[in-house]
Amino acid sequence: MHGRPSVASCADLDAVADAVAGIGDLALAVADDLESLEVNPLWAAGATVEALDALVTWRSS
């Protein structure tokens, strides 16, 4: 990210940590049925954090 401010200067890192923990909690809650969970990108500005795209793969029954 040449020429842009660092993440620490434009994002609330506690909010980012909370979002990542929430994604982890979700994955744990459905772990028996979950094959994989990918979030990319995770966008953060100030206290706003959004998963702009996600891919969920479920286990075959």
N, C-alpha and C. Protein backbone atom coordinates (compact mmCIF):
# COMPACT_ATOMS: atom_id res chain seq x y z
N MET A 1 0.84 -1.18 0.00
CA MET A 1 0.00 0.00 0.00
C MET A 1 0.88 1.23 0.00
N HIS A 2 1.66 1.38 -1.00
CA HIS A 2 2.57 2.50 -1.15
C HIS A 2 1.82 3.82 -1.19
N GLY A 3 2.22 4.75 -0.36
CA GLY A 3 1.61 6.07 -0.37
C GLY A 3 0.32 6.19 0.41
N ARG A 4 -0.06 5.15 1.11
CA ARG A 4 -1.28 5.20 1.92
C ARG A 4 -0.91 5.13 3.40
N PRO A 5 -1.79 5.66 4.26
CA PRO A 5 -1.50 5.58 5.69
C PRO A 5 -1.49 4.12 6.15
N SER A 6 -0.76 3.85 7.21
CA SER A 6 -0.75 2.50 7.75
C SER A 6 -2.11 2.16 8.34
N VAL A 7 -2.38 0.86 8.46
CA VAL A 7 -3.65 0.41 9.02
C VAL A 7 -3.85 0.99 10.41
N ALA A 8 -2.80 1.04 11.20
CA ALA A 8 -2.92 1.52 12.57
C ALA A 8 -3.38 2.97 12.63
N SER A 9 -3.12 3.76 11.60
CA SER A 9 -3.50 5.17 11.65
C SER A 9 -4.91 5.43 11.13
N CYS A 10 -5.54 4.45 10.48
CA CYS A 10 -6.86 4.73 9.90
C CYS A 10 -7.93 3.75 10.35
N ALA A 11 -7.59 2.75 11.14
CA ALA A 11 -8.57 1.76 11.57
C ALA A 11 -8.48 1.57 13.08
N ASP A 12 -9.62 1.34 13.69
CA ASP A 12 -9.70 1.03 15.11
C ASP A 12 -9.31 -0.44 15.26
N LEU A 13 -8.11 -0.70 15.76
CA LEU A 13 -7.61 -2.07 15.83
C LEU A 13 -8.43 -2.94 16.78
N ASP A 14 -9.05 -2.35 17.80
CA ASP A 14 -9.95 -3.13 18.66
C ASP A 14 -11.16 -3.59 17.86
N ALA A 15 -11.68 -2.74 16.98
CA ALA A 15 -12.82 -3.13 16.14
C ALA A 15 -12.42 -4.23 15.16
N VAL A 16 -11.22 -4.13 14.61
CA VAL A 16 -10.73 -5.18 13.71
C VAL A 16 -10.60 -6.50 14.48
N ALA A 17 -10.02 -6.44 15.67
CA ALA A 17 -9.87 -7.65 16.49
C ALA A 17 -11.23 -8.25 16.83
N ASP A 18 -12.21 -7.41 17.16
CA ASP A 18 -13.56 -7.90 17.46
C ASP A 18 -14.18 -8.58 16.25
N ALA A 19 -13.98 -8.00 15.07
CA ALA A 19 -14.53 -8.59 13.85
C ALA A 19 -13.89 -9.94 13.56
N VAL A 20 -12.59 -10.02 13.69
CA VAL A 20 -11.89 -11.29 13.45
C VAL A 20 -12.33 -12.34 14.48
N ALA A 21 -12.47 -11.93 15.73
CA ALA A 21 -12.94 -12.85 16.77
C ALA A 21 -14.37 -13.32 16.47
N GLY A 22 -15.21 -12.42 15.98
CA GLY A 22 -16.57 -12.79 15.62
C GLY A 22 -16.62 -13.80 14.49
N ILE A 23 -15.75 -13.62 13.50
CA ILE A 23 -15.66 -14.59 12.40
C ILE A 23 -15.21 -15.95 12.95
N GLY A 24 -14.24 -15.92 13.85
CA GLY A 24 -13.79 -17.16 14.47
C GLY A 24 -14.87 -17.83 15.29
N ASP A 25 -15.64 -17.04 16.03
CA ASP A 25 -16.76 -17.59 16.81
C ASP A 25 -17.80 -18.24 15.90
N LEU A 26 -18.09 -17.59 14.77
CA LEU A 26 -19.02 -18.15 13.80
C LEU A 26 -18.50 -19.49 13.29
N ALA A 27 -17.23 -19.53 12.92
CA ALA A 27 -16.64 -20.76 12.41
C ALA A 27 -16.71 -21.88 13.45
N LEU A 28 -16.45 -21.56 14.70
CA LEU A 28 -16.54 -22.57 15.76
C LEU A 28 -17.96 -23.05 15.97
N ALA A 29 -18.93 -22.15 15.84
CA ALA A 29 -20.33 -22.51 16.06
C ALA A 29 -20.85 -23.50 15.01
N VAL A 30 -20.29 -23.46 13.82
CA VAL A 30 -20.75 -24.35 12.74
C VAL A 30 -19.64 -25.32 12.32
N ALA A 31 -18.66 -25.53 13.18
CA ALA A 31 -17.45 -26.28 12.83
C ALA A 31 -17.73 -27.69 12.32
N ASP A 32 -18.75 -28.35 12.85
CA ASP A 32 -19.03 -29.72 12.41
C ASP A 32 -19.42 -29.78 10.94
N ASP A 33 -20.01 -28.72 10.43
CA ASP A 33 -20.47 -28.69 9.04
C ASP A 33 -19.58 -27.87 8.12
N LEU A 34 -18.60 -27.19 8.67
CA LEU A 34 -17.77 -26.25 7.92
C LEU A 34 -16.51 -26.92 7.38
N GLU A 35 -16.31 -26.79 6.08
CA GLU A 35 -15.06 -27.26 5.46
C GLU A 35 -14.03 -26.13 5.49
N SER A 36 -14.44 -24.93 5.05
CA SER A 36 -13.53 -23.78 5.07
C SER A 36 -14.32 -22.48 5.07
N LEU A 37 -13.67 -21.44 5.57
CA LEU A 37 -14.25 -20.10 5.61
C LEU A 37 -13.14 -19.12 5.28
N GLU A 38 -13.35 -18.35 4.24
CA GLU A 38 -12.35 -17.37 3.81
C GLU A 38 -13.01 -16.00 3.72
N VAL A 39 -12.40 -15.01 4.33
CA VAL A 39 -12.85 -13.62 4.23
C VAL A 39 -11.72 -12.83 3.60
N ASN A 40 -12.01 -12.22 2.46
CA ASN A 40 -10.98 -11.45 1.76
C ASN A 40 -11.66 -10.57 0.72
N PRO A 41 -11.59 -9.29 0.87
CA PRO A 41 -10.86 -8.53 1.88
C PRO A 41 -11.72 -8.20 3.09
N LEU A 42 -11.04 -7.90 4.16
CA LEU A 42 -11.67 -7.34 5.35
C LEU A 42 -11.33 -5.85 5.34
N TRP A 43 -12.34 -5.01 5.23
CA TRP A 43 -12.15 -3.56 5.09
C TRP A 43 -12.37 -2.89 6.43
N ALA A 44 -11.51 -1.95 6.78
CA ALA A 44 -11.63 -1.24 8.05
C ALA A 44 -11.33 0.23 7.85
N ALA A 45 -12.18 1.07 8.43
CA ALA A 45 -11.98 2.51 8.45
C ALA A 45 -12.58 3.03 9.74
N GLY A 46 -11.75 3.60 10.58
CA GLY A 46 -12.24 4.01 11.88
C GLY A 46 -12.72 2.79 12.64
N ALA A 47 -13.92 2.87 13.21
CA ALA A 47 -14.49 1.75 13.95
C ALA A 47 -15.36 0.85 13.08
N THR A 48 -15.44 1.15 11.78
CA THR A 48 -16.24 0.34 10.87
C THR A 48 -15.37 -0.75 10.26
N VAL A 49 -15.83 -1.99 10.38
CA VAL A 49 -15.12 -3.14 9.81
C VAL A 49 -16.14 -3.96 9.04
N GLU A 50 -15.82 -4.28 7.78
CA GLU A 50 -16.75 -5.04 6.94
C GLU A 50 -16.00 -6.13 6.19
N ALA A 51 -16.61 -7.30 6.14
CA ALA A 51 -16.12 -8.36 5.26
C ALA A 51 -16.72 -8.07 3.89
N LEU A 52 -15.90 -7.67 2.94
CA LEU A 52 -16.41 -7.30 1.62
C LEU A 52 -16.71 -8.51 0.76
N ASP A 53 -16.08 -9.64 1.05
CA ASP A 53 -16.34 -10.87 0.31
C ASP A 53 -15.99 -12.03 1.23
N ALA A 54 -16.73 -13.11 1.09
CA ALA A 54 -16.45 -14.30 1.88
C ALA A 54 -16.80 -15.53 1.05
N LEU A 55 -16.08 -16.60 1.31
CA LEU A 55 -16.33 -17.88 0.66
C LEU A 55 -16.47 -18.92 1.76
N VAL A 56 -17.60 -19.60 1.77
CA VAL A 56 -17.85 -20.65 2.75
C VAL A 56 -18.02 -21.95 1.99
N THR A 57 -17.30 -22.97 2.42
CA THR A 57 -17.45 -24.31 1.84
C THR A 57 -17.93 -25.23 2.96
N TRP A 58 -19.05 -25.89 2.69
CA TRP A 58 -19.65 -26.79 3.67
C TRP A 58 -19.19 -28.22 3.40
N ARG A 59 -19.10 -29.01 4.44
CA ARG A 59 -18.75 -30.43 4.31
C ARG A 59 -19.89 -31.15 3.60
N SER A 60 -19.54 -32.13 2.81
CA SER A 60 -20.56 -32.96 2.16
C SER A 60 -21.15 -33.91 3.18
N SER A 61 -22.44 -34.15 3.08
CA SER A 61 -23.11 -35.06 4.02
C SER A 61 -22.92 -36.50 3.61
